[in-house]
Protein backbone atom coordinates (compact mmCIF):
# COMPACT_ATOMS: atom_id res chain seq x y z
CA MET A 1 65.92 80.75 105.03
CA PRO A 2 69.09 81.23 107.11
CA ALA A 3 70.97 78.10 108.11
CA PRO A 4 70.05 76.69 111.51
CA SER A 5 72.29 77.69 114.41
CA ILE A 6 75.36 75.57 115.08
CA PHE A 7 76.17 77.54 118.22
CA ASN A 8 75.77 75.92 121.63
CA ALA A 9 75.62 78.45 124.45
CA ARG A 10 77.39 75.99 126.77
CA ASP A 11 80.48 76.04 124.54
CA GLU A 12 81.26 79.78 124.68
CA ALA A 13 84.94 79.32 125.58
CA ARG A 14 85.41 76.97 122.64
CA VAL A 15 83.97 79.41 120.10
CA ASP A 16 85.96 82.45 121.15
CA PRO A 17 87.53 83.76 117.90
CA ARG A 18 91.12 83.41 119.11
CA ASN A 19 90.63 79.76 120.08
CA LEU A 20 88.92 79.02 116.78
CA LEU A 21 91.64 80.66 114.70
CA SER A 22 94.40 78.76 116.46
CA SER A 23 92.52 75.47 116.09
CA ILE A 24 92.44 75.83 112.30
CA GLY A 25 96.03 77.12 112.06
CA GLU A 26 95.27 80.67 110.92
CA VAL A 27 96.64 84.06 111.95
CA VAL A 28 95.99 87.50 110.45
CA TYR A 29 98.58 90.20 109.86
CA SER A 30 98.98 93.79 108.70
CA TRP A 31 102.01 94.78 106.64
CA ASP A 32 103.25 98.35 106.25
CA ILE A 33 105.16 97.76 103.03
CA GLN A 34 106.87 101.14 102.95
CA SER A 35 108.50 100.60 106.35
CA ASP A 36 108.48 96.78 105.93
CA THR A 37 106.80 96.40 109.34
CA LEU A 38 104.66 93.34 110.13
CA THR A 39 101.96 93.33 112.81
CA TRP A 40 100.39 89.97 113.70
CA GLY A 41 97.16 88.89 115.32
CA PRO A 42 97.29 87.93 119.02
CA ASN A 43 97.43 84.19 118.33
CA ALA A 44 100.61 84.39 116.22
CA ALA A 45 102.79 82.58 118.75
CA GLU A 46 100.23 79.77 119.05
CA VAL A 47 100.10 79.23 115.27
CA LEU A 48 103.66 80.05 114.14
CA GLY A 49 105.64 78.85 117.14
CA ALA A 50 108.99 80.36 118.07
CA ILE A 51 110.55 82.03 115.02
CA PRO A 52 113.27 84.72 114.87
CA GLU A 53 112.21 88.23 115.87
CA ALA A 54 113.43 89.63 112.54
CA ALA A 55 111.05 87.29 110.70
CA MET A 56 108.12 88.33 112.89
CA ALA A 57 108.79 92.05 112.60
CA ARG A 58 109.79 92.50 108.95
CA GLY A 59 108.32 91.41 105.65
CA LEU A 60 111.73 90.70 104.16
CA GLY A 61 112.70 88.77 107.27
CA PHE A 62 109.63 86.56 106.97
CA ALA A 63 110.31 86.02 103.26
CA GLY A 64 113.64 84.53 104.32
CA LEU A 65 111.75 81.61 105.93
CA VAL A 66 110.37 80.48 102.56
CA GLU A 67 111.95 77.26 101.30
CA PRO A 68 113.78 78.00 98.02
CA GLY A 69 111.79 76.78 95.05
CA SER A 70 108.65 75.94 97.01
CA GLY A 71 106.64 78.97 95.89
CA ARG A 72 106.52 82.77 95.75
CA SER A 73 107.14 84.70 98.94
CA ARG A 74 104.58 87.27 100.06
CA TYR A 75 106.83 89.99 98.62
CA ASP A 76 106.81 88.37 95.19
CA ALA A 77 103.07 87.63 95.37
CA VAL A 78 102.20 91.26 96.11
CA PHE A 79 104.47 92.84 93.53
CA SER A 80 103.51 90.41 90.76
CA SER A 81 99.78 90.45 91.43
CA GLY A 82 99.04 93.23 88.95
CA GLY A 83 95.82 95.17 89.15
CA HIS A 84 94.95 98.70 90.20
CA ASP A 85 93.76 99.62 93.67
CA GLU A 86 90.56 101.66 93.52
CA GLY A 87 90.26 101.91 97.30
CA GLU A 88 89.41 98.34 98.30
CA GLY A 89 92.77 96.76 97.59
CA VAL A 90 94.06 94.16 95.14
CA ILE A 91 93.94 90.45 95.96
CA TYR A 92 97.15 88.45 96.24
CA ARG A 93 97.58 84.76 97.07
CA THR A 94 100.52 82.41 97.26
CA ARG A 95 101.53 79.02 98.66
CA TYR A 96 104.98 78.06 99.87
CA ALA A 97 106.83 75.85 102.33
CA ALA A 98 108.39 77.37 105.45
CA GLU A 99 109.88 76.32 108.77
CA LEU A 100 107.08 77.19 111.22
CA ALA A 101 105.75 75.74 114.47
CA GLY A 102 108.93 73.64 114.68
CA ARG A 103 108.17 71.84 111.40
CA ARG A 104 108.47 72.42 107.67
CA MET A 105 104.90 73.30 106.71
CA TRP A 106 102.93 74.15 103.59
CA VAL A 107 101.52 77.66 104.03
CA GLU A 108 98.74 79.52 102.24
CA ASP A 109 99.27 83.29 102.39
CA SER A 110 96.58 85.60 101.01
CA GLY A 111 95.13 89.06 101.43
CA ARG A 112 94.84 92.44 99.75
CA TRP A 113 97.42 95.13 99.16
CA PHE A 114 96.52 98.80 99.16
CA ALA A 115 98.20 101.44 97.02
CA GLY A 116 99.94 104.67 97.92
CA THR A 117 99.55 107.84 95.91
CA ASP A 118 101.99 106.46 93.32
CA GLY A 119 99.70 103.48 92.71
CA ARG A 120 102.23 100.97 94.05
CA PRO A 121 101.67 98.72 97.07
CA ALA A 122 102.01 100.65 100.34
CA GLY A 123 100.28 98.33 102.82
CA ALA A 124 98.53 94.98 103.03
CA ARG A 125 96.11 93.04 105.21
CA GLY A 126 96.23 89.30 104.99
CA MET A 127 95.98 85.91 106.57
CA LEU A 128 98.45 83.06 106.86
CA ARG A 129 97.19 79.49 107.17
CA LEU A 130 99.25 76.41 107.97
CA GLU A 131 98.02 73.58 105.74
CA ARG A 132 100.04 70.48 106.56
CA GLN A 133 103.57 69.24 107.10
CA VAL A 134 105.82 68.93 104.04
CA ARG A 135 106.50 65.31 103.16
CA PRO A 136 110.19 64.35 102.91
CA ASP A 137 110.14 63.88 99.13
CA GLU A 138 107.84 66.76 98.15
CA LEU A 139 110.45 69.41 97.43
CA LEU A 140 112.89 67.06 95.71
CA GLY A 141 113.29 68.05 92.10
CA GLN A 142 111.59 71.42 92.61
CA THR A 143 114.69 73.35 93.50
CA GLY A 144 116.59 72.55 90.29
CA GLU A 145 119.75 74.68 90.28
CA LEU A 146 118.64 76.76 93.21
CA GLY A 147 121.33 77.99 95.53
CA ASP A 148 120.92 78.55 99.24
CA ARG A 149 120.38 82.00 100.74
CA SER A 150 122.87 81.34 103.52
CA ALA A 151 125.47 80.25 100.95
CA LEU A 152 124.82 83.47 99.02
CA LEU A 153 125.35 85.51 102.20
CA ASP A 154 128.59 83.64 102.86
CA ARG A 155 129.79 84.39 99.33
CA LEU A 156 128.80 88.06 99.72
CA SER A 157 130.58 88.27 103.10
CA SER A 158 133.76 86.84 101.53
CA ALA A 159 133.61 89.35 98.69
CA LEU A 160 133.22 92.21 101.16
CA SER A 161 136.18 90.99 103.21
CA GLU A 162 138.35 90.68 100.10
CA HIS A 163 137.46 93.83 98.17
CA LEU A 164 136.48 96.56 100.63
CA PRO A 165 139.95 96.78 102.25
CA ALA A 166 141.32 97.35 98.74
CA GLU A 167 138.74 100.15 98.25
CA ARG A 168 136.88 98.24 95.56
CA ASN A 169 133.08 98.47 95.46
CA VAL A 170 130.92 95.40 95.81
CA VAL A 171 127.49 95.48 94.14
CA ILE A 172 124.68 93.01 94.73
CA LEU A 173 121.95 92.94 92.07
CA VAL A 174 118.73 91.04 92.75
CA ALA A 175 116.69 90.37 89.63
CA ALA A 176 113.23 88.84 89.21
CA ILE A 177 111.15 87.88 86.19
CA ASP A 178 108.30 90.35 85.91
CA GLU A 179 104.74 88.96 86.13
CA LEU A 180 105.91 85.39 86.66
CA ALA A 181 102.51 84.55 88.17
CA ARG A 182 100.79 85.62 84.93
CA LEU A 183 103.24 83.56 82.89
CA ASN A 184 102.51 80.59 85.11
CA ASP A 185 98.76 81.06 84.60
CA ASP A 186 99.19 81.42 80.83
CA PHE A 187 101.69 78.62 80.21
CA GLY A 188 101.62 76.29 83.24
CA HIS A 189 104.30 75.13 85.70
CA GLU A 190 106.40 73.11 83.28
CA ALA A 191 106.67 75.93 80.76
CA THR A 192 107.46 78.38 83.54
CA ASP A 193 110.35 76.15 84.62
CA GLU A 194 111.62 76.29 81.01
CA ILE A 195 111.38 80.09 81.06
CA ILE A 196 113.32 80.33 84.32
CA ALA A 197 116.05 78.05 82.94
CA VAL A 198 116.43 80.14 79.77
CA VAL A 199 116.55 83.37 81.78
CA GLN A 200 119.31 81.92 83.97
CA GLU A 201 121.35 80.91 80.89
CA ARG A 202 120.94 84.35 79.32
CA LEU A 203 122.08 86.03 82.52
CA ARG A 204 125.08 83.70 82.71
CA SER A 205 126.02 84.52 79.10
CA VAL A 206 126.70 88.18 80.01
CA THR A 207 128.17 87.63 83.46
CA ARG A 208 131.87 88.49 83.68
CA ARG A 209 134.31 85.77 84.72
CA ARG A 210 135.00 87.38 88.11
CA ASP A 211 131.30 87.91 88.93
CA TYR A 212 128.93 85.46 90.59
CA LEU A 213 125.39 84.45 89.55
CA VAL A 214 122.99 82.28 91.51
CA ARG A 215 119.25 81.66 91.54
CA TYR A 216 118.45 81.53 95.24
CA SER A 217 114.63 81.42 95.32
CA GLY A 218 111.80 80.58 92.95
CA ASN A 219 112.01 83.89 91.09
CA ARG A 220 115.14 85.60 92.36
CA PHE A 221 118.57 85.76 90.81
CA ALA A 222 121.48 87.32 92.68
CA ILE A 223 124.38 88.76 90.69
CA LEU A 224 127.46 89.75 92.66
CA LEU A 225 129.64 92.35 90.91
CA THR A 226 133.08 93.21 92.26
CA GLY A 227 135.03 96.32 91.33
CA CYS A 228 132.03 97.84 89.55
CA PRO A 229 132.19 101.68 89.54
CA LEU A 230 129.11 103.43 90.91
CA ASN A 231 128.37 105.06 87.56
CA GLN A 232 128.35 101.65 85.86
CA VAL A 233 125.68 99.95 88.01
CA ASP A 234 122.83 101.07 85.74
CA ALA A 235 124.80 99.96 82.69
CA ALA A 236 125.27 96.53 84.25
CA ALA A 237 121.55 96.29 84.99
CA ARG A 238 120.78 97.25 81.39
CA ARG A 239 123.17 94.56 80.15
CA PHE A 240 121.35 91.86 82.10
CA GLY A 241 117.92 93.21 81.24
CA LYS A 242 118.66 93.33 77.51
CA ALA A 243 120.12 89.82 77.56
CA VAL A 244 116.85 88.47 78.92
CA ALA A 245 114.54 90.57 76.74
CA GLN A 246 116.56 90.14 73.51
CA ALA A 247 114.22 87.51 72.08
CA ALA A 248 111.05 85.65 72.95
CA ILE A 249 111.42 82.38 74.81
CA GLU A 250 109.98 79.31 73.13
CA THR A 251 108.35 76.75 75.44
CA ALA A 252 106.35 73.59 74.89
CA ARG A 253 103.21 75.64 75.60
CA GLY A 254 103.96 78.68 73.46
CA ILE A 255 106.18 81.74 73.07
CA ALA A 256 106.74 84.08 76.03
CA LEU A 257 108.12 87.62 76.19
CA VAL A 258 110.06 88.12 79.42
CA ARG A 259 111.48 91.16 81.19
CA LEU A 260 113.36 91.65 84.44
CA ARG A 261 112.98 93.84 87.49
CA VAL A 262 116.28 94.69 89.21
CA GLY A 263 117.14 96.03 92.64
CA ALA A 264 120.68 96.87 93.77
CA ALA A 265 122.72 97.68 96.85
CA ILE A 266 126.31 98.92 96.89
CA ALA A 267 129.03 98.47 99.49
CA PRO A 268 130.45 100.43 101.17
CA ASP A 269 128.09 103.24 100.06
CA LEU A 270 125.08 101.65 101.81
CA SER A 271 126.61 99.17 104.24
CA ASN A 272 129.48 96.70 104.64
CA HIS A 273 127.26 93.98 106.14
CA ALA A 274 126.15 91.14 103.85
CA GLY A 275 122.68 90.66 105.35
CA THR A 276 121.90 94.38 105.23
CA LEU A 277 123.02 94.63 101.61
CA LEU A 278 120.99 91.64 100.42
CA SER A 279 117.84 92.80 102.25
CA ALA A 280 118.27 96.32 100.86
CA ALA A 281 118.62 95.00 97.30
CA GLU A 282 115.48 92.87 97.77
CA ASN A 283 113.63 95.88 99.12
CA ALA A 284 114.77 97.95 96.14
CA LEU A 285 113.58 95.15 93.83
CA ALA A 286 110.11 95.52 95.34
CA GLY A 287 110.05 99.12 94.11
CA ALA A 288 111.36 98.39 90.62
CA LYS A 289 109.25 98.53 87.50
CA ALA A 290 109.99 96.23 84.60
CA GLY A 291 110.84 97.33 81.10
CA SER A 292 110.45 101.08 81.58
CA SER A 293 114.12 102.02 81.72
CA ASP A 294 116.02 98.70 82.09
CA THR A 295 117.89 100.18 85.04
CA ALA A 296 118.17 99.11 88.64
CA VAL A 297 116.49 100.71 91.63
CA ILE A 298 119.47 101.34 93.92
CA ALA A 299 119.06 101.32 97.70
CA ARG A 300 120.51 104.45 99.30
CA ARG A 301 121.77 105.12 102.80
CA GLN A 302 120.00 108.46 102.96
CA GLU A 303 116.58 106.86 102.45
CA SER A 304 115.96 106.81 106.22
CA ARG A 305 116.67 110.53 106.45
CA GLU A 306 114.52 111.18 103.39
CA ARG A 307 111.65 109.31 105.04
CA THR A 308 111.99 111.61 108.06
CA ASP A 309 111.96 114.66 105.81
CA SER A 310 109.00 113.19 103.97
CA ALA A 311 107.18 112.66 107.25
CA SER A 312 107.63 116.33 108.14
CA GLY A 313 106.37 117.29 104.70
CA PHE A 314 103.42 114.96 105.19
CA ASP A 315 102.46 116.84 108.38
CA VAL A 316 102.45 120.16 106.54
CA SER A 317 100.50 118.77 103.59
CA ALA A 318 97.98 117.01 105.82
CA LEU A 319 97.22 120.14 107.85
CA ALA A 320 97.00 122.19 104.66
CA ALA A 321 94.54 119.69 103.16
CA LEU A 322 92.51 119.86 106.36
CA ASN A 323 92.32 123.63 106.50
CA GLU A 324 91.78 124.03 102.75
CA ARG A 325 88.81 121.63 102.83
CA ARG A 326 90.43 119.02 100.59
CA ILE A 327 88.84 116.30 102.73
CA GLU A 328 86.03 114.32 101.13
CA LEU A 329 83.95 111.22 101.77
CA ALA A 330 83.52 108.26 99.46
CA LEU A 331 80.36 106.29 100.22
CA GLN A 332 80.23 102.53 99.74
CA PRO A 333 76.84 100.81 99.92
CA VAL A 334 76.11 98.07 102.45
CA VAL A 335 73.16 95.95 101.30
CA ARG A 336 70.84 93.42 102.90
CA ALA A 337 72.07 89.93 102.10
CA GLN A 338 68.68 88.53 101.14
CA SER A 339 67.13 91.37 99.12
CA ARG A 340 70.30 93.31 98.04
CA GLU A 341 68.55 96.54 99.03
CA VAL A 342 70.87 99.29 100.30
CA SER A 343 70.59 99.62 104.08
CA PHE A 344 73.36 102.18 104.74
CA HIS A 345 76.68 103.41 103.36
CA GLU A 346 80.14 103.39 104.89
CA ALA A 347 81.76 106.83 104.75
CA LEU A 348 85.41 106.40 103.74
CA LEU A 349 87.97 109.18 104.10
CA ARG A 350 89.61 110.56 100.96
CA VAL A 351 92.23 113.31 101.10
CA SER A 352 93.68 115.19 98.14
CA PHE A 353 97.32 116.09 98.90
CA GLY A 354 98.45 117.58 95.63
CA GLN A 355 97.42 119.85 92.80
CA ASP A 356 97.11 116.80 90.54
CA GLY A 357 94.10 115.67 92.55
CA ALA A 358 95.66 112.37 93.69
CA PHE A 359 93.87 110.86 96.68
CA PHE A 360 95.16 108.91 99.62
CA ALA A 361 92.93 105.91 100.29
CA THR A 362 91.91 105.11 103.85
CA ALA A 363 93.96 101.92 104.18
CA GLU A 364 97.21 103.84 103.67
CA LEU A 365 96.26 107.18 105.16
CA ILE A 366 94.89 106.25 108.58
CA PRO A 367 98.05 104.47 109.83
CA MET A 368 100.13 107.45 108.69
CA LEU A 369 97.85 109.89 110.50
CA GLU A 370 97.99 107.76 113.64
CA ARG A 371 101.79 107.64 113.57
CA ARG A 372 101.98 111.42 113.15
CA GLY A 373 99.39 112.17 115.85
CA LEU A 374 96.97 113.79 113.39
CA VAL A 375 94.19 111.24 113.21
CA ARG A 376 92.00 112.98 115.82
CA LEU A 377 91.74 116.08 113.61
CA PHE A 378 90.69 114.03 110.60
CA ASP A 379 88.18 111.97 112.57
CA HIS A 380 86.55 115.24 113.67
CA ARG A 381 86.33 116.40 110.06
CA VAL A 382 84.86 113.05 108.87
CA LEU A 383 82.20 113.32 111.57
CA GLU A 384 81.33 116.87 110.44
CA LEU A 385 81.04 115.84 106.80
CA ALA A 386 78.97 112.76 107.61
CA VAL A 387 76.54 114.74 109.77
CA GLY A 388 76.28 117.36 107.01
CA LEU A 389 75.29 114.69 104.51
CA LEU A 390 72.79 113.11 106.91
CA ALA A 391 71.18 116.47 107.62
CA SER A 392 70.80 117.22 103.91
CA GLU A 393 69.57 113.74 102.88
CA PRO A 394 66.88 112.40 105.24
CA SER A 395 66.85 108.99 103.54
CA LEU A 396 70.59 108.42 104.00
CA SER A 397 72.22 106.32 106.75
CA LEU A 398 76.00 106.30 107.25
CA SER A 399 78.68 104.50 109.21
CA VAL A 400 81.89 106.34 110.17
CA ASN A 401 85.17 104.88 111.39
CA VAL A 402 86.76 106.21 114.58
CA SER A 403 90.41 105.57 115.43
CA PRO A 404 91.29 104.18 118.88
CA ARG A 405 93.30 107.36 119.45
CA SER A 406 90.23 109.50 118.87
CA LEU A 407 88.16 107.30 121.17
CA SER A 408 90.68 107.96 123.95
CA ASP A 409 90.29 111.73 123.49
CA PRO A 410 87.35 113.22 125.46
CA GLU A 411 87.04 115.96 122.83
CA TRP A 412 85.88 113.45 120.22
CA LEU A 413 82.83 112.47 122.30
CA ASP A 414 82.09 116.16 122.93
CA ALA A 415 82.24 116.75 119.17
CA PHE A 416 79.98 113.76 118.52
CA LEU A 417 77.37 114.99 121.00
CA ALA A 418 77.53 118.52 119.59
CA CYS A 419 77.30 117.44 115.95
CA THR A 420 74.40 115.05 116.47
CA SER A 421 72.34 117.51 118.53
CA GLY A 422 72.04 120.03 115.73
CA ALA A 423 69.57 118.25 113.45
CA ARG A 424 66.67 115.96 114.31
CA GLY A 425 66.97 112.34 113.24
CA VAL A 426 70.68 112.49 112.41
CA ALA A 427 72.00 110.41 115.31
CA GLU A 428 69.57 107.57 114.59
CA ARG A 429 70.96 107.23 111.05
CA LEU A 430 74.61 107.15 112.16
CA ILE A 431 76.69 104.05 112.95
CA VAL A 432 80.00 104.49 114.77
CA GLU A 433 82.58 101.86 113.75
CA ILE A 434 85.46 101.03 116.10
CA THR A 435 88.23 98.49 115.56
CA GLU A 436 88.37 95.24 117.46
CA THR A 437 91.67 96.28 119.07
CA ALA A 438 90.10 99.47 120.47
CA THR A 439 88.17 97.37 123.00
CA ILE A 440 91.27 95.84 124.58
CA ASP A 441 93.25 98.53 126.43
CA ASN A 442 90.56 100.00 128.69
CA PRO A 443 87.36 98.01 128.18
CA THR A 444 85.49 99.69 131.05
CA ARG A 445 86.08 103.20 129.70
CA VAL A 446 85.30 102.13 126.11
CA ALA A 447 82.07 100.42 127.21
CA ARG A 448 80.99 103.61 129.01
CA LEU A 449 81.79 105.77 125.96
CA LEU A 450 79.89 103.45 123.62
CA GLY A 451 76.97 103.57 126.01
CA GLN A 452 76.84 107.36 125.63
CA ILE A 453 76.86 106.99 121.85
CA LYS A 454 73.96 104.56 122.10
CA GLU A 455 72.04 106.89 124.42
CA ARG A 456 72.14 109.52 121.68
CA GLY A 457 70.40 107.02 119.36
CA SER A 458 73.33 105.92 117.16
CA ARG A 459 74.39 102.35 116.59
CA VAL A 460 77.83 100.83 117.29
CA ALA A 461 79.78 98.43 115.06
CA ILE A 462 83.04 96.53 115.55
CA ASP A 463 85.06 96.65 112.34
CA ASP A 464 87.39 93.93 111.00
CA PHE A 465 86.02 91.43 113.51
CA GLY A 466 87.50 87.95 113.67
CA ALA A 467 91.22 88.57 114.09
CA GLY A 468 91.03 87.05 117.55
CA HIS A 469 91.57 90.13 119.73
CA THR A 470 88.16 90.09 121.37
CA SER A 471 86.86 87.27 123.54
CA LEU A 472 83.19 86.43 123.88
CA ARG A 473 83.32 87.79 127.43
CA HIS A 474 84.53 91.15 126.05
CA LEU A 475 81.76 91.23 123.45
CA ARG A 476 79.11 90.78 126.11
CA ALA A 477 80.45 93.87 127.93
CA PHE A 478 79.91 96.22 124.98
CA PRO A 479 76.64 97.60 123.56
CA ILE A 480 77.31 96.30 120.06
CA ASP A 481 74.75 96.41 117.25
CA VAL A 482 76.84 95.19 114.30
CA LEU A 483 79.87 92.93 113.82
CA LYS A 484 81.76 93.48 110.54
CA ILE A 485 83.53 90.23 109.65
CA ASP A 486 87.12 90.75 108.50
CA GLY A 487 87.37 90.46 104.72
CA THR A 488 90.53 88.34 104.90
CA PHE A 489 88.25 85.44 105.86
CA THR A 490 85.32 86.10 103.53
CA GLN A 491 87.52 86.41 100.43
CA ASN A 492 88.72 82.81 100.85
CA LEU A 493 85.31 81.13 101.09
CA ARG A 494 85.57 79.65 97.60
CA ARG A 495 88.85 77.88 98.40
CA SER A 496 89.03 77.20 102.12
CA THR A 497 86.75 74.88 104.09
CA ASP A 498 88.42 76.16 107.29
CA ASP A 499 87.37 79.72 106.51
CA ARG A 500 83.85 78.59 105.68
CA PHE A 501 83.65 76.96 109.11
CA TYR A 502 85.15 80.02 110.81
CA VAL A 503 82.93 82.61 109.10
CA ARG A 504 79.80 80.57 109.66
CA THR A 505 80.71 80.23 113.34
CA LEU A 506 81.19 84.02 113.63
CA ILE A 507 77.78 84.60 112.07
CA ASP A 508 76.25 82.12 114.48
CA LEU A 509 78.06 83.76 117.40
CA ALA A 510 76.62 87.14 116.41
CA ARG A 511 73.13 85.65 116.18
CA HIS A 512 73.60 84.21 119.67
CA LEU A 513 74.53 87.71 120.91
CA GLY A 514 71.59 89.30 119.12
CA VAL A 515 73.65 91.53 116.78
CA ASP A 516 73.71 92.01 113.01
CA THR A 517 76.64 91.03 110.79
CA VAL A 518 78.31 92.62 107.76
CA ALA A 519 80.51 90.51 105.49
CA GLU A 520 83.29 92.64 103.98
CA TRP A 521 85.18 92.14 100.70
CA VAL A 522 82.32 90.33 98.94
CA ASP A 523 83.42 90.21 95.32
CA ASP A 524 81.58 87.30 93.71
CA GLU A 525 78.15 85.72 93.66
CA MET A 526 79.26 82.46 95.27
CA GLN A 527 80.47 84.33 98.37
CA ALA A 528 77.21 86.27 98.53
CA ARG A 529 75.02 83.15 98.25
CA LEU A 530 76.95 81.24 100.90
CA LEU A 531 76.88 84.15 103.32
CA ALA A 532 73.18 84.77 102.80
CA ASP A 533 72.42 81.08 103.35
CA TRP A 534 74.36 81.15 106.62
CA GLY A 535 72.34 84.11 107.86
CA VAL A 536 74.67 87.11 107.45
CA THR A 537 72.66 90.34 107.65
CA TYR A 538 74.54 92.60 105.23
CA LEU A 539 77.02 92.39 102.35
CA GLN A 540 79.73 94.93 101.44
CA GLY A 541 82.16 94.73 98.52
CA HIS A 542 82.64 95.27 94.81
CA LEU A 543 79.85 92.83 93.95
CA VAL A 544 77.23 95.09 95.50
CA GLY A 545 78.83 98.52 95.00
CA LYS A 546 82.10 100.45 94.95
CA ALA A 547 82.90 103.55 96.99
CA GLU A 548 82.04 106.80 95.20
CA LEU A 549 82.83 110.37 96.21
CA ARG A 550 79.89 112.28 97.67
CA ARG A 551 80.12 116.00 98.31
CA PRO A 552 77.83 117.81 100.75
CA PRO A 553 75.33 120.15 99.06
CA ALA A 554 75.98 123.86 99.09
CA GLY A 555 75.11 125.37 102.44
CA ALA A 556 75.72 122.20 104.44
CA ARG A 557 77.16 122.78 107.88
CA THR A 558 80.97 122.52 107.59
CA GLU A 559 82.17 125.62 109.39
CA THR A 560 84.21 124.11 112.20
CA ARG A 561 87.95 124.37 111.49
CA ALA A 562 89.73 121.25 112.67
CA ALA A 563 93.26 122.66 112.75
CA GLY A 564 94.77 125.98 113.48
């Protein structure tokens, strides 16, 4: 039996998602790792307070708010999480202290990163939660020999002022112990502190007298090299890497094998500004792989131009994939929470861009298509493929995602009406998923469009619900059938009583509105049992089924060319 309702219709303003999120100190974010761009939920200012614009807009900038020695930054958590993204992302989680909301607070930061075609993190969706204020004595003794980031920048600025006028290069290396989180899990905090201390001593043993070494965060060592020729930077990185990896490290809890990742930035080749150089070296570190070559990933000035060239190449490849029918759907089951019977599948876009058959997953691809103005073409093709599958399999029901940019294009609705008129019973087995943000800009027009979709017999779902964009008043204005609860909240049910309260309230809110709910990112049985007890309608996640490619049968209707 579902849990009894905790929702009181007289308290609608109180239970609006944005108000609830702010009351429990949570805010969601999206992170484009490749461009290092952060996008926050609408209640960010209420939760985080006034913080520098650079910290709000950039992942590296926000990492600079982390108190040295208090825990891994989000950057370190993502790139040390391990795992392989099979389309639904890889979980990361960290806890650190940071100056937020005018106070030094403990912060829990968790989410999932999604891979690019190279398998490395390209984007992330997560949630930040303020726990409590840091007590005055809590960080004492944790920082050990940690230096201060601002002191490091001062030292770097001095080196630039001294050596650049004499036409001597200045190199900043940023090194990190690879898989420190795994070492911590295997050996414990005390042994990890021993490992860090040994690594620092080994680095110091091969540092030249005129160079400068400092550990300036929990797992970051900066090494400042002056007068180092460009062709010797890799050799220097190898020297440090070999010094660390030369022998296993004995701790009270066992023997550990340790390797480094190294990122580098060179002045004046890249920049002559200390902050730019340090951030570039940290960004290069994020792209470094440990142990493969023992060399540094070096930040280059021309990377911005290469990204532009790459974007142009992406356009050509995307249109070629579209016209050559290298667009496919992966179907992930959505099951009833009580019986675990499959109710429908979500159709997820997969695009093969190369001869090696590598696929872009939806989480990385859609933002790229939106930035390049191509998403409308791909949404048309997804609709065609989905309708083809529905026409060929009468027992199948599908949900398809539609970008806000496609919703604003009258041609998409025309295509929807045309596609769903060709075969009887297709529209009734189709669910159109829109994002929560799509309802904000022009709610009257969106409500009218969704009404036309409903008139055809299809259902409407709001995806990633719970970030706080939509008020209860907005929800009442739309003909919604399904609310899909954002997975950043459901994945934390085991650990967070705040998220349990929030998710249960969203389920109760949906019941009050008379709509079904889907819980995303359900990966373990405890999550599933809790959600079912609270009355969620459907479950979606690895526990109940992964996304699998599904090709339309021969002869299915796929003739419409989406690009010329």
